[in-house]
PDB file of N, CA and C in Angstrom:
ATOM      1  N   MET A   1       9.321   7.277   9.675  1.00  0.00           N
ATOM      2  CA  MET A   1       9.324   5.896   9.259  1.00  0.00           C
ATOM      3  C   MET A   1      10.750   5.476   8.900  1.00  0.00           C
ATOM      4  N   TRP A   2      11.370   4.815   9.814  1.00  0.00           N
ATOM      5  CA  TRP A   2      12.763   4.421   9.615  1.00  0.00           C
ATOM      6  C   TRP A   2      12.922   3.413   8.482  1.00  0.00           C
ATOM      7  N   ILE A   3      11.900   2.592   8.220  1.00  0.00           N
ATOM      8  CA  ILE A   3      11.996   1.608   7.129  1.00  0.00           C
ATOM      9  C   ILE A   3      12.080   2.325   5.796  1.00  0.00           C
ATOM     10  N   LEU A   4      11.236   3.336   5.609  1.00  0.00           N
ATOM     11  CA  LEU A   4      11.254   4.092   4.356  1.00  0.00           C
ATOM     12  C   LEU A   4      12.542   4.885   4.194  1.00  0.00           C
ATOM     13  N   ARG A   5      13.006   5.482   5.275  1.00  0.00           N
ATOM     14  CA  ARG A   5      14.243   6.259   5.207  1.00  0.00           C
ATOM     15  C   ARG A   5      15.427   5.355   4.845  1.00  0.00           C
ATOM     16  N   GLY A   6      15.481   4.175   5.453  1.00  0.00           N
ATOM     17  CA  GLY A   6      16.556   3.231   5.152  1.00  0.00           C
ATOM     18  C   GLY A   6      16.498   2.746   3.714  1.00  0.00           C
ATOM     19  N   ALA A   7      15.303   2.453   3.215  1.00  0.00           N
ATOM     20  CA  ALA A   7      15.153   2.001   1.827  1.00  0.00           C
ATOM     21  C   ALA A   7      15.534   3.104   0.858  1.00  0.00           C
ATOM     22  N   ALA A   8      15.185   4.345   1.172  1.00  0.00           N
ATOM     23  CA  ALA A   8      15.512   5.470   0.297  1.00  0.00           C
ATOM     24  C   ALA A   8      17.019   5.689   0.231  1.00  0.00           C
ATOM     25  N   LYS A   9      17.697   5.583   1.370  1.00  0.00           N
ATOM     26  CA  LYS A   9      19.148   5.765   1.390  1.00  0.00           C
ATOM     27  C   LYS A   9      19.868   4.626   0.681  1.00  0.00           C
ATOM     28  N   LYS A  10      19.365   3.409   0.886  1.00  0.00           N
ATOM     29  CA  LYS A  10      20.036   2.238   0.327  1.00  0.00           C
ATOM     30  C   LYS A  10      19.893   2.152  -1.189  1.00  0.00           C
ATOM     31  N   THR A  11      18.691   2.373  -1.699  1.00  0.00           N
ATOM     32  CA  THR A  11      18.443   2.148  -3.125  1.00  0.00           C
ATOM     33  C   THR A  11      18.369   3.416  -3.950  1.00  0.00           C
ATOM     34  N   LYS A  12      18.236   4.557  -3.296  1.00  0.00           N
ATOM     35  CA  LYS A  12      18.071   5.843  -3.983  1.00  0.00           C
ATOM     36  C   LYS A  12      16.809   5.875  -4.847  1.00  0.00           C
ATOM     37  N   ALA A  13      15.866   4.971  -4.596  1.00  0.00           N
ATOM     38  CA  ALA A  13      14.616   4.926  -5.359  1.00  0.00           C
ATOM     39  C   ALA A  13      13.700   6.060  -4.892  1.00  0.00           C
ATOM     40  N   PRO A  14      13.200   6.867  -5.818  1.00  0.00           N
ATOM     41  CA  PRO A  14      12.375   8.020  -5.434  1.00  0.00           C
ATOM     42  C   PRO A  14      11.046   7.653  -4.774  1.00  0.00           C
ATOM     43  N   ILE A  15      10.547   6.460  -5.010  1.00  0.00           N
ATOM     44  CA  ILE A  15       9.256   6.077  -4.426  1.00  0.00           C
ATOM     45  C   ILE A  15       9.311   6.068  -2.905  1.00  0.00           C
ATOM     46  N   TRP A  16      10.407   5.620  -2.331  1.00  0.00           N
ATOM     47  CA  TRP A  16      10.501   5.532  -0.871  1.00  0.00           C
ATOM     48  C   TRP A  16      10.620   6.922  -0.250  1.00  0.00           C
ATOM     49  N   ARG A  17      11.319   7.837  -0.920  1.00  0.00           N
ATOM     50  CA  ARG A  17      11.399   9.220  -0.417  1.00  0.00           C
ATOM     51  C   ARG A  17      10.026   9.880  -0.472  1.00  0.00           C
ATOM     52  N   ASP A  18       9.305   9.633  -1.562  1.00  0.00           N
ATOM     53  CA  ASP A  18       7.971  10.200  -1.718  1.00  0.00           C
ATOM     54  C   ASP A  18       7.050   9.696  -0.608  1.00  0.00           C
ATOM     55  N   LEU A  19       7.071   8.395  -0.350  1.00  0.00           N
ATOM     56  CA  LEU A  19       6.240   7.834   0.721  1.00  0.00           C
ATOM     57  C   LEU A  19       6.629   8.392   2.083  1.00  0.00           C
ATOM     58  N   GLU A  20       7.909   8.519   2.333  1.00  0.00           N
ATOM     59  CA  GLU A  20       8.361   9.052   3.622  1.00  0.00           C
ATOM     60  C   GLU A  20       7.861  10.486   3.797  1.00  0.00           C
ATOM     61  N   ARG A  21       7.929  11.269   2.732  1.00  0.00           N
ATOM     62  CA  ARG A  21       7.449  12.649   2.781  1.00  0.00           C
ATOM     63  C   ARG A  21       5.941  12.695   3.052  1.00  0.00           C
ATOM     64  N   ARG A  22       5.199  11.795   2.412  1.00  0.00           N
ATOM     65  CA  ARG A  22       3.746  11.777   2.581  1.00  0.00           C
ATOM     66  C   ARG A  22       3.318  11.422   3.995  1.00  0.00           C
ATOM     67  N   VAL A  23       4.033  10.533   4.649  1.00  0.00           N
ATOM     68  CA  VAL A  23       3.584  10.052   5.960  1.00  0.00           C
ATOM     69  C   VAL A  23       4.304  10.692   7.138  1.00  0.00           C
ATOM     70  N   SER A  24       5.296  11.531   6.885  1.00  0.00           N
ATOM     71  CA  SER A  24       6.048  12.096   7.998  1.00  0.00           C
ATOM     72  C   SER A  24       5.338  13.270   8.657  1.00  0.00           C
ATOM     73  N   GLY A  25       4.322  13.807   8.030  1.00  0.00           N
ATOM     74  CA  GLY A  25       3.599  14.948   8.582  1.00  0.00           C
ATOM     75  C   GLY A  25       2.531  14.531   9.562  1.00  0.00           C
ATOM     76  N   PRO A  26       1.575  15.418   9.774  1.00  0.00           N
ATOM     77  CA  PRO A  26       0.495  15.117  10.715  1.00  0.00           C
ATOM     78  C   PRO A  26      -0.407  13.982  10.230  1.00  0.00           C
ATOM     79  N   ARG A  27      -1.145  13.408  11.145  1.00  0.00           N
ATOM     80  CA  ARG A  27      -2.020  12.281  10.846  1.00  0.00           C
ATOM     81  C   ARG A  27      -3.054  12.640   9.785  1.00  0.00           C
ATOM     82  N   SER A  28      -3.460  13.886   9.721  1.00  0.00           N
ATOM     83  CA  SER A  28      -4.464  14.300   8.740  1.00  0.00           C
ATOM     84  C   SER A  28      -3.948  14.187   7.304  1.00  0.00           C
ATOM     85  N   ASN A  29      -2.644  14.079   7.122  1.00  0.00           N
ATOM     86  CA  ASN A  29      -2.071  13.900   5.777  1.00  0.00           C
ATOM     87  C   ASN A  29      -2.215  12.469   5.272  1.00  0.00           C
ATOM     88  N   LYS A  30      -2.486  11.540   6.167  1.00  0.00           N
ATOM     89  CA  LYS A  30      -2.576  10.141   5.768  1.00  0.00           C
ATOM     90  C   LYS A  30      -3.919   9.873   5.088  1.00  0.00           C
ATOM     91  N   SER A  31      -3.910   9.023   4.093  1.00  0.00           N
ATOM     92  CA  SER A  31      -5.091   8.747   3.282  1.00  0.00           C
ATOM     93  C   SER A  31      -5.973   7.674   3.900  1.00  0.00           C
ATOM     94  N   GLU A  32      -7.238   7.715   3.532  1.00  0.00           N
ATOM     95  CA  GLU A  32      -8.172   6.626   3.811  1.00  0.00           C
ATOM     96  C   GLU A  32      -8.752   6.219   2.470  1.00  0.00           C
ATOM     97  N   VAL A  33      -8.532   4.973   2.078  1.00  0.00           N
ATOM     98  CA  VAL A  33      -8.962   4.480   0.773  1.00  0.00           C
ATOM     99  C   VAL A  33      -9.886   3.296   0.986  1.00  0.00           C
ATOM    100  N   ASN A  34     -11.010   3.314   0.277  1.00  0.00           N
ATOM    101  CA  ASN A  34     -11.955   2.199   0.348  1.00  0.00           C
ATOM    102  C   ASN A  34     -11.547   1.103  -0.625  1.00  0.00           C
ATOM    103  N   LEU A  35     -11.871  -0.122  -0.283  1.00  0.00           N
ATOM    104  CA  LEU A  35     -11.576  -1.265  -1.138  1.00  0.00           C
ATOM    105  C   LEU A  35     -12.263  -1.124  -2.498  1.00  0.00           C
ATOM    106  N   GLY A  36     -13.464  -0.569  -2.520  1.00  0.00           N
ATOM    107  CA  GLY A  36     -14.173  -0.343  -3.769  1.00  0.00           C
ATOM    108  C   GLY A  36     -13.413   0.600  -4.695  1.00  0.00           C
ATOM    109  N   THR A  37     -12.752   1.595  -4.131  1.00  0.00           N
ATOM    110  CA  THR A  37     -11.937   2.519  -4.925  1.00  0.00           C
ATOM    111  C   THR A  37     -10.754   1.783  -5.535  1.00  0.00           C
ATOM    112  N   LEU A  38     -10.113   0.937  -4.742  1.00  0.00           N
ATOM    113  CA  LEU A  38      -8.993   0.142  -5.275  1.00  0.00           C
ATOM    114  C   LEU A  38      -9.458  -0.736  -6.428  1.00  0.00           C
ATOM    115  N   ALA A  39     -10.643  -1.296  -6.303  1.00  0.00           N
ATOM    116  CA  ALA A  39     -11.180  -2.164  -7.356  1.00  0.00           C
ATOM    117  C   ALA A  39     -11.342  -1.393  -8.663  1.00  0.00           C
ATOM    118  N   GLN A  40     -11.704  -0.125  -8.567  1.00  0.00           N
ATOM    119  CA  GLN A  40     -11.928   0.685  -9.762  1.00  0.00           C
ATOM    120  C   GLN A  40     -10.639   1.136 -10.433  1.00  0.00           C
ATOM    121  N   VAL A  41      -9.600   1.423  -9.655  1.00  0.00           N
ATOM    122  CA  VAL A  41      -8.392   2.037 -10.221  1.00  0.00           C
ATOM    123  C   VAL A  41      -7.224   1.068 -10.416  1.00  0.00           C
ATOM    124  N   THR A  42      -7.437  -0.204 -10.091  1.00  0.00           N
ATOM    125  CA  THR A  42      -6.348  -1.176 -10.251  1.00  0.00           C
ATOM    126  C   THR A  42      -6.757  -2.302 -11.179  1.00  0.00           C
ATOM    127  N   LYS A  43      -5.734  -3.040 -11.609  1.00  0.00           N
ATOM    128  CA  LYS A  43      -5.934  -4.245 -12.417  1.00  0.00           C
ATOM    129  C   LYS A  43      -5.475  -5.440 -11.591  1.00  0.00           C
ATOM    130  N   ALA A  44      -5.782  -6.612 -12.078  1.00  0.00           N
ATOM    131  CA  ALA A  44      -5.410  -7.837 -11.369  1.00  0.00           C
ATOM    132  C   ALA A  44      -3.893  -7.948 -11.195  1.00  0.00           C
ATOM    133  N   ASN A  45      -3.495  -8.458 -10.058  1.00  0.00           N
ATOM    134  CA  ASN A  45      -2.106  -8.768  -9.705  1.00  0.00           C
ATOM    135  C   ASN A  45      -1.196  -7.552  -9.567  1.00  0.00           C
ATOM    136  N   GLU A  46      -1.735  -6.384  -9.335  1.00  0.00           N
ATOM    137  CA  GLU A  46      -0.904  -5.210  -9.103  1.00  0.00           C
ATOM    138  C   GLU A  46      -0.423  -5.185  -7.649  1.00  0.00           C
ATOM    139  N   ILE A  47       0.647  -4.414  -7.419  1.00  0.00           N
ATOM    140  CA  ILE A  47       1.178  -4.194  -6.081  1.00  0.00           C
ATOM    141  C   ILE A  47       0.835  -2.754  -5.721  1.00  0.00           C
ATOM    142  N   VAL A  48       0.127  -2.571  -4.602  1.00  0.00           N
ATOM    143  CA  VAL A  48      -0.397  -1.262  -4.239  1.00  0.00           C
ATOM    144  C   VAL A  48       0.055  -0.879  -2.844  1.00  0.00           C
ATOM    145  N   MET A  49       0.463   0.376  -2.688  1.00  0.00           N
ATOM    146  CA  MET A  49       0.806   0.934  -1.378  1.00  0.00           C
ATOM    147  C   MET A  49      -0.201   2.022  -1.059  1.00  0.00           C
ATOM    148  N   VAL A  50      -0.838   1.912   0.104  1.00  0.00           N
ATOM    149  CA  VAL A  50      -1.776   2.929   0.575  1.00  0.00           C
ATOM    150  C   VAL A  50      -1.114   3.633   1.758  1.00  0.00           C
ATOM    151  N   PRO A  51      -0.727   4.904   1.607  1.00  0.00           N
ATOM    152  CA  PRO A  51      -0.070   5.607   2.719  1.00  0.00           C
ATOM    153  C   PRO A  51      -1.090   6.105   3.738  1.00  0.00           C
ATOM    154  N   GLY A  52      -1.727   5.186   4.392  1.00  0.00           N
ATOM    155  CA  GLY A  52      -2.761   5.496   5.369  1.00  0.00           C
ATOM    156  C   GLY A  52      -3.521   4.231   5.711  1.00  0.00           C
ATOM    157  N   LYS A  53      -4.865   4.325   5.702  1.00  0.00           N
ATOM    158  CA  LYS A  53      -5.692   3.183   6.092  1.00  0.00           C
ATOM    159  C   LYS A  53      -6.510   2.684   4.918  1.00  0.00           C
ATOM    160  N   LEU A  54      -6.571   1.358   4.766  1.00  0.00           N
ATOM    161  CA  LEU A  54      -7.425   0.717   3.775  1.00  0.00           C
ATOM    162  C   LEU A  54      -8.687   0.263   4.482  1.00  0.00           C
ATOM    163  N   LEU A  55      -9.834   0.767   3.995  1.00  0.00           N
ATOM    164  CA  LEU A  55     -11.128   0.463   4.598  1.00  0.00           C
ATOM    165  C   LEU A  55     -11.859  -0.579   3.773  1.00  0.00           C
ATOM    166  N   GLY A  56     -12.761  -1.307   4.375  1.00  0.00           N
ATOM    167  CA  GLY A  56     -13.425  -2.424   3.720  1.00  0.00           C
ATOM    168  C   GLY A  56     -14.698  -2.093   2.966  1.00  0.00           C
ATOM    169  N   THR A  57     -15.024  -0.828   2.783  1.00  0.00           N
ATOM    170  CA  THR A  57     -16.237  -0.454   2.068  1.00  0.00           C
ATOM    171  C   THR A  57     -16.104  -0.789   0.592  1.00  0.00           C
ATOM    172  N   GLY A  58     -17.110  -1.448   0.046  1.00  0.00           N
ATOM    173  CA  GLY A  58     -17.081  -1.841  -1.362  1.00  0.00           C
ATOM    174  C   GLY A  58     -16.622  -3.276  -1.511  1.00  0.00           C
ATOM    175  N   SER A  59     -16.488  -3.682  -2.754  1.00  0.00           N
ATOM    176  CA  SER A  59     -16.043  -5.054  -3.015  1.00  0.00           C
ATOM    177  C   SER A  59     -14.963  -5.030  -4.092  1.00  0.00           C
ATOM    178  N   ILE A  60     -14.258  -6.129  -4.186  1.00  0.00           N
ATOM    179  CA  ILE A  60     -13.184  -6.242  -5.169  1.00  0.00           C
ATOM    180  C   ILE A  60     -13.299  -7.612  -5.826  1.00  0.00           C
ATOM    181  N   GLY A  61     -13.030  -7.657  -7.112  1.00  0.00           N
ATOM    182  CA  GLY A  61     -13.172  -8.902  -7.848  1.00  0.00           C
ATOM    183  C   GLY A  61     -11.876  -9.439  -8.409  1.00  0.00           C
ATOM    184  N   HIS A  62     -10.751  -8.795  -8.084  1.00  0.00           N
ATOM    185  CA  HIS A  62      -9.468  -9.290  -8.589  1.00  0.00           C
ATOM    186  C   HIS A  62      -8.419  -9.273  -7.480  1.00  0.00           C
ATOM    187  N   ARG A  63      -7.366 -10.019  -7.724  1.00  0.00           N
ATOM    188  CA  ARG A  63      -6.293 -10.222  -6.758  1.00  0.00           C
ATOM    189  C   ARG A  63      -5.344  -9.028  -6.747  1.00  0.00           C
ATOM    190  N   LEU A  64      -4.959  -8.586  -5.555  1.00  0.00           N
ATOM    191  CA  LEU A  64      -3.986  -7.511  -5.372  1.00  0.00           C
ATOM    192  C   LEU A  64      -3.036  -7.876  -4.243  1.00  0.00           C
ATOM    193  N   THR A  65      -1.857  -7.301  -4.286  1.00  0.00           N
ATOM    194  CA  THR A  65      -0.951  -7.329  -3.149  1.00  0.00           C
ATOM    195  C   THR A  65      -0.969  -5.923  -2.586  1.00  0.00           C
ATOM    196  N   VAL A  66      -1.356  -5.787  -1.324  1.00  0.00           N
ATOM    197  CA  VAL A  66      -1.561  -4.469  -0.726  1.00  0.00           C
ATOM    198  C   VAL A  66      -0.688  -4.295   0.506  1.00  0.00           C
ATOM    199  N   CYS A  67      -0.101  -3.111   0.599  1.00  0.00           N
ATOM    200  CA  CYS A  67       0.618  -2.696   1.796  1.00  0.00           C
ATOM    201  C   CYS A  67      -0.015  -1.385   2.238  1.00  0.00           C
ATOM    202  N   ALA A  68      -0.378  -1.286   3.498  1.00  0.00           N
ATOM    203  CA  ALA A  68      -0.952  -0.061   4.044  1.00  0.00           C
ATOM    204  C   ALA A  68      -0.494   0.062   5.495  1.00  0.00           C
ATOM    205  N   PHE A  69      -0.536   1.260   6.024  1.00  0.00           N
ATOM    206  CA  PHE A  69      -0.133   1.451   7.408  1.00  0.00           C
ATOM    207  C   PHE A  69      -1.155   0.872   8.364  1.00  0.00           C
ATOM    208  N   SER A  70      -2.402   0.792   7.899  1.00  0.00           N
ATOM    209  CA  SER A  70      -3.463   0.190   8.699  1.00  0.00           C
ATOM    210  C   SER A  70      -4.504  -0.388   7.743  1.00  0.00           C
ATOM    211  N   ILE A  71      -5.023  -1.553   8.076  1.00  0.00           N
ATOM    212  CA  ILE A  71      -6.018  -2.199   7.230  1.00  0.00           C
ATOM    213  C   ILE A  71      -7.143  -2.708   8.119  1.00  0.00           C
ATOM    214  N   SER A  72      -8.378  -2.384   7.743  1.00  0.00           N
ATOM    215  CA  SER A  72      -9.511  -2.854   8.533  1.00  0.00           C
ATOM    216  C   SER A  72      -9.656  -4.366   8.362  1.00  0.00           C
ATOM    217  N   GLU A  73     -10.294  -4.997   9.331  1.00  0.00           N
ATOM    218  CA  GLU A  73     -10.489  -6.446   9.277  1.00  0.00           C
ATOM    219  C   GLU A  73     -11.307  -6.850   8.055  1.00  0.00           C
ATOM    220  N   SER A  74     -12.328  -6.072   7.735  1.00  0.00           N
ATOM    221  CA  SER A  74     -13.176  -6.424   6.591  1.00  0.00           C
ATOM    222  C   SER A  74     -12.416  -6.293   5.275  1.00  0.00           C
ATOM    223  N   ALA A  75     -11.532  -5.307   5.163  1.00  0.00           N
ATOM    224  CA  ALA A  75     -10.731  -5.160   3.943  1.00  0.00           C
ATOM    225  C   ALA A  75      -9.782  -6.342   3.787  1.00  0.00           C
ATOM    226  N   ALA A  76      -9.135  -6.746   4.859  1.00  0.00           N
ATOM    227  CA  ALA A  76      -8.219  -7.889   4.805  1.00  0.00           C
ATOM    228  C   ALA A  76      -8.966  -9.172   4.449  1.00  0.00           C
ATOM    229  N   ARG A  77     -10.151  -9.349   5.014  1.00  0.00           N
ATOM    230  CA  ARG A  77     -10.957 -10.537   4.726  1.00  0.00           C
ATOM    231  C   ARG A  77     -11.380 -10.564   3.260  1.00  0.00           C
ATOM    232  N   LYS A  78     -11.856  -9.437   2.746  1.00  0.00           N
ATOM    233  CA  LYS A  78     -12.296  -9.372   1.352  1.00  0.00           C
ATOM    234  C   LYS A  78     -11.136  -9.585   0.385  1.00  0.00           C
ATOM    235  N   LEU A  79      -9.963  -9.049   0.693  1.00  0.00           N
ATOM    236  CA  LEU A  79      -8.790  -9.292  -0.143  1.00  0.00           C
ATOM    237  C   LEU A  79      -8.425 -10.768  -0.146  1.00  0.00           C
ATOM    238  N   GLY A  80      -8.469 -11.389   1.012  1.00  0.00           N
ATOM    239  CA  GLY A  80      -8.157 -12.812   1.123  1.00  0.00           C
ATOM    240  C   GLY A  80      -9.129 -13.685   0.352  1.00  0.00           C
ATOM    241  N   GLN A  81     -10.381 -13.292   0.295  1.00  0.00           N
ATOM    242  CA  GLN A  81     -11.392 -14.079  -0.402  1.00  0.00           C
ATOM    243  C   GLN A  81     -11.157 -14.135  -1.905  1.00  0.00           C
ATOM    244  N   VAL A  82     -10.533 -13.115  -2.472  1.00  0.00           N
ATOM    245  CA  VAL A  82     -10.276 -13.111  -3.924  1.00  0.00           C
ATOM    246  C   VAL A  82      -8.847 -13.542  -4.246  1.00  0.00           C
ATOM    247  N   GLY A  83      -8.111 -13.986  -3.235  1.00  0.00           N
ATOM    248  CA  GLY A  83      -6.750 -14.468  -3.466  1.00  0.00           C
ATOM    249  C   GLY A  83      -5.681 -13.401  -3.333  1.00  0.00           C
ATOM    250  N   GLY A  84      -6.058 -12.223  -2.874  1.00  0.00           N
ATOM    251  CA  GLY A  84      -5.086 -11.159  -2.663  1.00  0.00           C
ATOM    252  C   GLY A  84      -4.335 -11.364  -1.367  1.00  0.00           C
ATOM    253  N   LYS A  85      -3.336 -10.521  -1.148  1.00  0.00           N
ATOM    254  CA  LYS A  85      -2.606 -10.643   0.111  1.00  0.00           C
ATOM    255  C   LYS A  85      -2.185  -9.278   0.625  1.00  0.00           C
ATOM    256  N   VAL A  86      -1.979  -9.243   1.928  1.00  0.00           N
ATOM    257  CA  VAL A  86      -1.541  -8.043   2.620  1.00  0.00           C
ATOM    258  C   VAL A  86      -0.106  -8.285   3.060  1.00  0.00           C
ATOM    259  N   ILE A  87       0.779  -7.336   2.747  1.00  0.00           N
ATOM    260  CA  ILE A  87       2.171  -7.473   3.170  1.00  0.00           C
ATOM    261  C   ILE A  87       2.565  -6.260   4.009  1.00  0.00           C
ATOM    262  N   THR A  88       3.610  -6.424   4.786  1.00  0.00           N
ATOM    263  CA  THR A  88       4.097  -5.342   5.633  1.00  0.00           C
ATOM    264  C   THR A  88       4.977  -4.401   4.820  1.00  0.00           C
ATOM    265  N   LEU A  89       5.213  -3.233   5.376  1.00  0.00           N
ATOM    266  CA  LEU A  89       6.076  -2.251   4.724  1.00  0.00           C
ATOM    267  C   LEU A  89       7.497  -2.789   4.582  1.00  0.00           C
ATOM    268  N   GLU A  90       7.954  -3.491   5.581  1.00  0.00           N
ATOM    269  CA  GLU A  90       9.301  -4.074   5.535  1.00  0.00           C
ATOM    270  C   GLU A  90       9.407  -5.105   4.407  1.00  0.00           C
ATOM    271  N   ASP A  91       8.385  -5.951   4.266  1.00  0.00           N
ATOM    272  CA  ASP A  91       8.380  -6.934   3.182  1.00  0.00           C
ATOM    273  C   ASP A  91       8.319  -6.253   1.815  1.00  0.00           C
ATOM    274  N   LEU A  92       7.550  -5.175   1.726  1.00  0.00           N
ATOM    275  CA  LEU A  92       7.440  -4.444   0.461  1.00  0.00           C
ATOM    276  C   LEU A  92       8.784  -3.870   0.030  1.00  0.00           C
ATOM    277  N   THR A  93       9.504  -3.249   0.955  1.00  0.00           N
ATOM    278  CA  THR A  93      10.788  -2.644   0.596  1.00  0.00           C
ATOM    279  C   THR A  93      11.856  -3.695   0.302  1.00  0.00           C
ATOM    280  N   LYS A  94      11.734  -4.871   0.905  1.00  0.00           N
ATOM    281  CA  LYS A  94      12.699  -5.938   0.629  1.00  0.00           C
ATOM    282  C   LYS A  94      12.410  -6.634  -0.698  1.00  0.00           C
ATOM    283  N   LYS A  95      11.133  -6.889  -0.975  1.00  0.00           N
ATOM    284  CA  LYS A  95      10.766  -7.609  -2.189  1.00  0.00           C
ATOM    285  C   LYS A  95      10.861  -6.731  -3.433  1.00  0.00           C
ATOM    286  N   TYR A  96      10.604  -5.438  -3.280  1.00  0.00           N
ATOM    287  CA  TYR A  96      10.652  -4.484  -4.399  1.00  0.00           C
ATOM    288  C   TYR A  96      11.567  -3.320  -4.021  1.00  0.00           C
ATOM    289  N   PRO A  97      12.865  -3.562  -3.892  1.00  0.00           N
ATOM    290  CA  PRO A  97      13.772  -2.521  -3.384  1.00  0.00           C
ATOM    291  C   PRO A  97      13.833  -1.271  -4.260  1.00  0.00           C
ATOM    292  N   GLU A  98      13.644  -1.411  -5.551  1.00  0.00           N
ATOM    293  CA  GLU A  98      13.663  -0.258  -6.442  1.00  0.00           C
ATOM    294  C   GLU A  98      12.284   0.371  -6.575  1.00  0.00           C
ATOM    295  N   GLY A  99      11.271  -0.284  -6.061  1.00  0.00           N
ATOM    296  CA  GLY A  99       9.919   0.230  -6.146  1.00  0.00           C
ATOM    297  C   GLY A  99       9.251   0.021  -7.492  1.00  0.00           C
ATOM    298  N   LYS A 100       9.859  -0.766  -8.357  1.00  0.00           N
ATOM    299  CA  LYS A 100       9.300  -0.995  -9.686  1.00  0.00           C
ATOM    300  C   LYS A 100       8.035  -1.815  -9.585  1.00  0.00           C
ATOM    301  N   GLY A 101       6.970  -1.328 -10.226  1.00  0.00           N
ATOM    302  CA  GLY A 101       5.700  -2.023 -10.215  1.00  0.00           C
ATOM    303  C   GLY A 101       4.810  -1.706  -9.035  1.00  0.00           C
ATOM    304  N   VAL A 102       5.289  -0.890  -8.091  1.00  0.00           N
ATOM    305  CA  VAL A 102       4.501  -0.530  -6.915  1.00  0.00           C
ATOM    306  C   VAL A 102       3.765   0.773  -7.203  1.00  0.00           C
ATOM    307  N   ARG A 103       2.456   0.776  -7.018  1.00  0.00           N
ATOM    308  CA  ARG A 103       1.653   1.979  -7.212  1.00  0.00           C
ATOM    309  C   ARG A 103       1.254   2.540  -5.860  1.00  0.00           C
ATOM    310  N   ILE A 104       1.336   3.855  -5.718  1.00  0.00           N
ATOM    311  CA  ILE A 104       0.867   4.533  -4.524  1.00  0.00           C
ATOM    312  C   ILE A 104      -0.537   5.042  -4.817  1.00  0.00           C
ATOM    313  N   ILE A 105      -1.482   4.653  -4.002  1.00  0.00           N
ATOM    314  CA  ILE A 105      -2.857   5.098  -4.183  1.00  0.00           C
ATOM    315  C   ILE A 105      -3.339   5.697  -2.875  1.00  0.00           C
ATOM    316  N   GLY A 106      -3.725   6.946  -2.947  1.00  0.00           N
ATOM    317  CA  GLY A 106      -4.243   7.631  -1.770  1.00  0.00           C
ATOM    318  C   GLY A 106      -3.592   8.955  -1.550  1.00  0.00           C
TER     319      GLY A 106
END
């Protein structure tokens, strides 16, 4: 992931190195997280990074900003219904260059 490597070199923030390490291996290392799980472990208005796929199983009742390598259509729709948003990895590293406030779940 060249975006993560560039962000890690530029800002020296450990979060980007950690994410790069997590996703640089085989596909089986990538996480699959259900939306219902995110609802249980997060609070409203948090910024969440899922190093894998976000699935639409379950429901969510609060707003989140989510970045994932892959997001199912149902997960994106359910996030949109509660006012949440999905952002790209590039947008995440630009908006939060130091990684402050970003939680890795998965």
